[in-house]
Amino acid sequence: MKKSLVAVIAVMMAGCANKGGYVQLHDGEPLLPAEKAIVNGHYGYRNGSIANEMTRIVAINGEKVPKQWFVAEGANTVSLLPGYYEMKILYVHSVNVIDYYSYITIPVLLEQNCTYQIVTSWSSAERSLGYELVGKPSSAPALSSCGGAVVEEREEEDGYEI
């Protein structure tokens, strides 16, 4: 009986560890906002309707991001060191009782002292979904524009150029 109770409590505590949906994806102590890049997804209701909409970060460079308790895979917010990443994103949109899921991996170049918001745009007429990151400085002074985080890879003779 005691072992079962301890196991249940351990599982509950592990689930609560990421309850806020925030994951630090760099080693060491937490960094000041000016020293890191922050990427935010979205969880909520769209345009005041009952249609649920969620954008989650599910993997960085092929490594899964820990799941938020009782919610879809991935996290709402990740903290990363500045640099280039391949970010896998999950977009969920509910219409009536049907959930529509879309995954995409996008190359991003993140700058320090920037907070990025994942923005989705979709067209039911064209059956298309677009993603972009909109950035703003995390703290003053703003030494970066925080713009243009999504990059396109161009194939060059000696590999890839960003």
C-alpha atoms as a PDB file:
ATOM      1  CA  MET A   1       0.000   0.000   0.000  1.00  0.00           C
ATOM      2  CA  LYS A   2       2.765   2.443   0.935  1.00  0.00           C
ATOM      3  CA  LYS A   3       4.706   1.687  -2.267  1.00  0.00           C
ATOM      4  CA  SER A   4       1.609   2.355  -4.370  1.00  0.00           C
ATOM      5  CA  LEU A   5       0.977   5.662  -2.610  1.00  0.00           C
ATOM      6  CA  VAL A   6       4.608   6.730  -3.055  1.00  0.00           C
ATOM      7  CA  ALA A   7       4.474   5.809  -6.768  1.00  0.00           C
ATOM      8  CA  VAL A   8       1.272   7.812  -7.295  1.00  0.00           C
ATOM      9  CA  ILE A   9       2.735  10.859  -5.517  1.00  0.00           C
ATOM     10  CA  ALA A  10       5.960  10.618  -7.572  1.00  0.00           C
ATOM     11  CA  VAL A  11       3.988  10.528 -10.833  1.00  0.00           C
ATOM     12  CA  MET A  12       1.876  13.497  -9.753  1.00  0.00           C
ATOM     13  CA  MET A  13       4.963  15.527  -8.793  1.00  0.00           C
ATOM     14  CA  ALA A  14       6.689  14.725 -12.093  1.00  0.00           C
ATOM     15  CA  GLY A  15       3.629  15.909 -13.977  1.00  0.00           C
ATOM     16  CA  CYS A  16       3.458  19.141 -12.023  1.00  0.00           C
ATOM     17  CA  ALA A  17       7.084  19.958 -12.842  1.00  0.00           C
ATOM     18  CA  ASN A  18       6.086  21.438 -16.189  1.00  0.00           C
ATOM     19  CA  LYS A  19       2.570  22.525 -15.304  1.00  0.00           C
ATOM     20  CA  GLY A  20       3.122  26.098 -16.486  1.00  0.00           C
ATOM     21  CA  GLY A  21       4.331  24.902 -19.860  1.00  0.00           C
ATOM     22  CA  TYR A  22       7.788  26.548 -19.472  1.00  0.00           C
ATOM     23  CA  VAL A  23      10.908  24.530 -20.263  1.00  0.00           C
ATOM     24  CA  GLN A  24      14.536  25.698 -19.924  1.00  0.00           C
ATOM     25  CA  LEU A  25      16.427  23.994 -22.749  1.00  0.00           C
ATOM     26  CA  HIS A  26      19.945  25.035 -21.779  1.00  0.00           C
ATOM     27  CA  ASP A  27      22.246  23.719 -19.087  1.00  0.00           C
ATOM     28  CA  GLY A  28      23.041  25.559 -15.903  1.00  0.00           C
ATOM     29  CA  GLU A  29      21.228  28.110 -13.825  1.00  0.00           C
ATOM     30  CA  PRO A  30      18.327  30.152 -15.201  1.00  0.00           C
ATOM     31  CA  LEU A  31      19.580  33.116 -17.219  1.00  0.00           C
ATOM     32  CA  LEU A  32      18.442  36.718 -17.222  1.00  0.00           C
ATOM     33  CA  PRO A  33      16.096  37.618 -20.119  1.00  0.00           C
ATOM     34  CA  ALA A  34      18.895  39.666 -21.723  1.00  0.00           C
ATOM     35  CA  GLU A  35      21.104  36.543 -21.941  1.00  0.00           C
ATOM     36  CA  LYS A  36      18.681  34.103 -23.600  1.00  0.00           C
ATOM     37  CA  ALA A  37      15.990  33.739 -26.230  1.00  0.00           C
ATOM     38  CA  ILE A  38      12.412  32.863 -25.258  1.00  0.00           C
ATOM     39  CA  VAL A  39       9.897  31.308 -27.657  1.00  0.00           C
ATOM     40  CA  ASN A  40       6.185  31.329 -26.792  1.00  0.00           C
ATOM     41  CA  GLY A  41       3.445  29.177 -28.241  1.00  0.00           C
ATOM     42  CA  HIS A  42      -0.227  29.771 -27.585  1.00  0.00           C
ATOM     43  CA  TYR A  43      -3.007  28.077 -25.646  1.00  0.00           C
ATOM     44  CA  GLY A  44      -6.517  29.491 -25.620  1.00  0.00           C
ATOM     45  CA  TYR A  45      -9.767  30.171 -27.374  1.00  0.00           C
ATOM     46  CA  ARG A  46      -9.748  31.914 -30.731  1.00  0.00           C
ATOM     47  CA  ASN A  47     -11.656  35.146 -31.331  1.00  0.00           C
ATOM     48  CA  GLY A  48     -13.984  34.634 -28.366  1.00  0.00           C
ATOM     49  CA  SER A  49     -15.449  31.467 -29.871  1.00  0.00           C
ATOM     50  CA  ILE A  50     -15.537  27.968 -28.442  1.00  0.00           C
ATOM     51  CA  ALA A  51     -12.903  26.908 -31.001  1.00  0.00           C
ATOM     52  CA  ASN A  52      -9.809  25.873 -29.078  1.00  0.00           C
ATOM     53  CA  GLU A  53      -6.452  26.834 -30.570  1.00  0.00           C
ATOM     54  CA  MET A  54      -3.039  25.665 -29.386  1.00  0.00           C
ATOM     55  CA  THR A  55       0.493  26.136 -30.682  1.00  0.00           C
ATOM     56  CA  ARG A  56       3.154  24.054 -28.906  1.00  0.00           C
ATOM     57  CA  ILE A  57       6.906  23.603 -29.244  1.00  0.00           C
ATOM     58  CA  VAL A  58       7.353  19.809 -29.387  1.00  0.00           C
ATOM     59  CA  ALA A  59      11.023  19.326 -30.377  1.00  0.00           C
ATOM     60  CA  ILE A  60      14.239  21.298 -30.749  1.00  0.00           C
ATOM     61  CA  ASN A  61      16.911  19.886 -33.072  1.00  0.00           C
ATOM     62  CA  GLY A  62      15.142  16.531 -32.999  1.00  0.00           C
ATOM     63  CA  GLU A  63      15.063  16.306 -29.178  1.00  0.00           C
ATOM     64  CA  LYS A  64      11.557  16.113 -27.678  1.00  0.00           C
ATOM     65  CA  VAL A  65      10.514  18.916 -25.349  1.00  0.00           C
ATOM     66  CA  PRO A  66       8.960  17.674 -22.062  1.00  0.00           C
ATOM     67  CA  LYS A  67       5.167  17.463 -22.118  1.00  0.00           C
ATOM     68  CA  GLN A  68       2.997  19.819 -20.110  1.00  0.00           C
ATOM     69  CA  TRP A  69       0.725  18.010 -17.657  1.00  0.00           C
ATOM     70  CA  PHE A  70      -2.754  17.119 -19.031  1.00  0.00           C
ATOM     71  CA  VAL A  71      -2.185  19.010 -22.296  1.00  0.00           C
ATOM     72  CA  ALA A  72      -0.859  18.064 -25.736  1.00  0.00           C
ATOM     73  CA  GLU A  73       2.798  17.195 -26.172  1.00  0.00           C
ATOM     74  CA  GLY A  74       5.445  19.876 -25.926  1.00  0.00           C
ATOM     75  CA  ALA A  75       5.569  23.163 -24.066  1.00  0.00           C
ATOM     76  CA  ASN A  76       4.006  26.599 -24.266  1.00  0.00           C
ATOM     77  CA  THR A  77       7.322  28.392 -23.687  1.00  0.00           C
ATOM     78  CA  VAL A  78      10.969  27.416 -24.116  1.00  0.00           C
ATOM     79  CA  SER A  79      14.129  29.202 -23.033  1.00  0.00           C
ATOM     80  CA  LEU A  80      17.156  28.726 -25.311  1.00  0.00           C
ATOM     81  CA  LEU A  81      20.635  30.074 -25.759  1.00  0.00           C
ATOM     82  CA  PRO A  82      20.929  32.322 -28.823  1.00  0.00           C
ATOM     83  CA  GLY A  83      21.664  30.432 -32.043  1.00  0.00           C
ATOM     84  CA  TYR A  84      20.327  28.323 -34.881  1.00  0.00           C
ATOM     85  CA  TYR A  85      17.694  25.653 -34.166  1.00  0.00           C
ATOM     86  CA  GLU A  86      15.320  23.370 -36.022  1.00  0.00           C
ATOM     87  CA  MET A  87      12.058  23.838 -34.115  1.00  0.00           C
ATOM     88  CA  LYS A  88       9.181  21.377 -34.493  1.00  0.00           C
ATOM     89  CA  ILE A  89       5.803  22.988 -33.822  1.00  0.00           C
ATOM     90  CA  LEU A  90       2.361  21.476 -33.240  1.00  0.00           C
ATOM     91  CA  TYR A  91      -0.728  23.486 -34.132  1.00  0.00           C
ATOM     92  CA  VAL A  92      -4.145  22.268 -32.933  1.00  0.00           C
ATOM     93  CA  HIS A  93      -7.398  23.893 -33.970  1.00  0.00           C
ATOM     94  CA  SER A  94     -10.786  22.590 -32.855  1.00  0.00           C
ATOM     95  CA  VAL A  95     -13.938  23.089 -34.885  1.00  0.00           C
ATOM     96  CA  ASN A  96     -17.115  21.747 -33.275  1.00  0.00           C
ATOM     97  CA  VAL A  97     -16.005  18.327 -32.010  1.00  0.00           C
ATOM     98  CA  ILE A  98     -13.123  17.755 -34.446  1.00  0.00           C
ATOM     99  CA  ASP A  99      -9.504  18.585 -33.598  1.00  0.00           C
ATOM    100  CA  TYR A 100      -7.222  19.359 -36.540  1.00  0.00           C
ATOM    101  CA  TYR A 101      -3.495  18.777 -35.955  1.00  0.00           C
ATOM    102  CA  SER A 102      -0.593  20.135 -38.006  1.00  0.00           C
ATOM    103  CA  TYR A 103       3.154  19.641 -37.461  1.00  0.00           C
ATOM    104  CA  ILE A 104       5.950  21.575 -39.099  1.00  0.00           C
ATOM    105  CA  THR A 105       9.684  21.901 -38.484  1.00  0.00           C
ATOM    106  CA  ILE A 106      11.054  25.367 -39.150  1.00  0.00           C
ATOM    107  CA  PRO A 107      14.666  26.617 -39.069  1.00  0.00           C
ATOM    108  CA  VAL A 108      15.075  29.594 -36.736  1.00  0.00           C
ATOM    109  CA  LEU A 109      17.927  31.893 -35.772  1.00  0.00           C
ATOM    110  CA  LEU A 110      17.242  33.214 -32.271  1.00  0.00           C
ATOM    111  CA  GLU A 111      18.934  36.260 -30.756  1.00  0.00           C
ATOM    112  CA  GLN A 112      19.662  36.989 -27.101  1.00  0.00           C
ATOM    113  CA  ASN A 113      17.375  39.392 -25.247  1.00  0.00           C
ATOM    114  CA  CYS A 114      14.469  38.473 -27.535  1.00  0.00           C
ATOM    115  CA  THR A 115      11.055  36.991 -26.798  1.00  0.00           C
ATOM    116  CA  TYR A 116       9.426  35.415 -29.843  1.00  0.00           C
ATOM    117  CA  GLN A 117       5.745  34.606 -30.336  1.00  0.00           C
ATOM    118  CA  ILE A 118       4.788  31.817 -32.746  1.00  0.00           C
ATOM    119  CA  VAL A 119       2.100  33.209 -35.026  1.00  0.00           C
ATOM    120  CA  THR A 120      -0.037  30.984 -37.247  1.00  0.00           C
ATOM    121  CA  SER A 121      -2.115  31.951 -40.238  1.00  0.00           C
ATOM    122  CA  TRP A 122      -4.396  29.537 -42.023  1.00  0.00           C
ATOM    123  CA  SER A 123      -6.717  29.545 -44.986  1.00  0.00           C
ATOM    124  CA  SER A 124      -9.498  27.010 -45.279  1.00  0.00           C
ATOM    125  CA  ALA A 125     -10.071  28.044 -48.898  1.00  0.00           C
ATOM    126  CA  GLU A 126      -6.462  27.304 -49.867  1.00  0.00           C
ATOM    127  CA  ARG A 127      -6.070  24.523 -47.283  1.00  0.00           C
ATOM    128  CA  SER A 128      -2.798  26.039 -46.134  1.00  0.00           C
ATOM    129  CA  LEU A 129      -1.178  26.908 -42.832  1.00  0.00           C
ATOM    130  CA  GLY A 130       1.705  29.330 -42.299  1.00  0.00           C
ATOM    131  CA  TYR A 131       4.030  29.887 -39.334  1.00  0.00           C
ATOM    132  CA  GLU A 132       6.260  32.776 -38.359  1.00  0.00           C
ATOM    133  CA  LEU A 133       8.006  34.109 -35.257  1.00  0.00           C
ATOM    134  CA  VAL A 134       7.430  37.701 -34.224  1.00  0.00           C
ATOM    135  CA  GLY A 135      10.049  38.991 -31.812  1.00  0.00           C
ATOM    136  CA  LYS A 136      10.450  41.860 -29.414  1.00  0.00           C
ATOM    137  CA  PRO A 137      13.187  42.733 -26.897  1.00  0.00           C
ATOM    138  CA  SER A 138      12.838  40.930 -23.554  1.00  0.00           C
ATOM    139  CA  SER A 139      14.396  43.775 -21.557  1.00  0.00           C
ATOM    140  CA  ALA A 140      15.910  47.219 -22.043  1.00  0.00           C
ATOM    141  CA  PRO A 141      18.233  48.257 -23.575  1.00  0.00           C
ATOM    142  CA  ALA A 142      17.174  46.687 -26.844  1.00  0.00           C
ATOM    143  CA  LEU A 143      20.393  45.854 -28.698  1.00  0.00           C
ATOM    144  CA  SER A 144      18.625  43.739 -31.313  1.00  0.00           C
ATOM    145  CA  SER A 145      15.664  44.112 -33.634  1.00  0.00           C
ATOM    146  CA  CYS A 146      14.536  40.541 -32.794  1.00  0.00           C
ATOM    147  CA  GLY A 147      13.108  40.268 -36.283  1.00  0.00           C
ATOM    148  CA  GLY A 148      13.360  37.657 -38.982  1.00  0.00           C
ATOM    149  CA  ALA A 149      13.846  34.617 -36.749  1.00  0.00           C
ATOM    150  CA  VAL A 150      12.587  32.119 -39.343  1.00  0.00           C
ATOM    151  CA  VAL A 151      15.353  31.521 -41.856  1.00  0.00           C
ATOM    152  CA  GLU A 152      15.413  29.880 -45.243  1.00  0.00           C
ATOM    153  CA  GLU A 153      18.196  27.473 -46.103  1.00  0.00           C
ATOM    154  CA  ARG A 154      19.810  27.872 -49.481  1.00  0.00           C
ATOM    155  CA  GLU A 155      21.858  25.049 -50.891  1.00  0.00           C
ATOM    156  CA  GLU A 156      25.403  26.082 -51.714  1.00  0.00           C
ATOM    157  CA  GLU A 157      28.235  24.151 -53.327  1.00  0.00           C
ATOM    158  CA  ASP A 158      29.928  23.437 -49.965  1.00  0.00           C
ATOM    159  CA  GLY A 159      26.809  22.713 -47.917  1.00  0.00           C
ATOM    160  CA  TYR A 160      24.029  24.938 -46.671  1.00  0.00           C
ATOM    161  CA  GLU A 161      24.041  28.643 -46.126  1.00  0.00           C
ATOM    162  CA  ILE A 162      21.619  30.379 -43.817  1.00  0.00           C
END
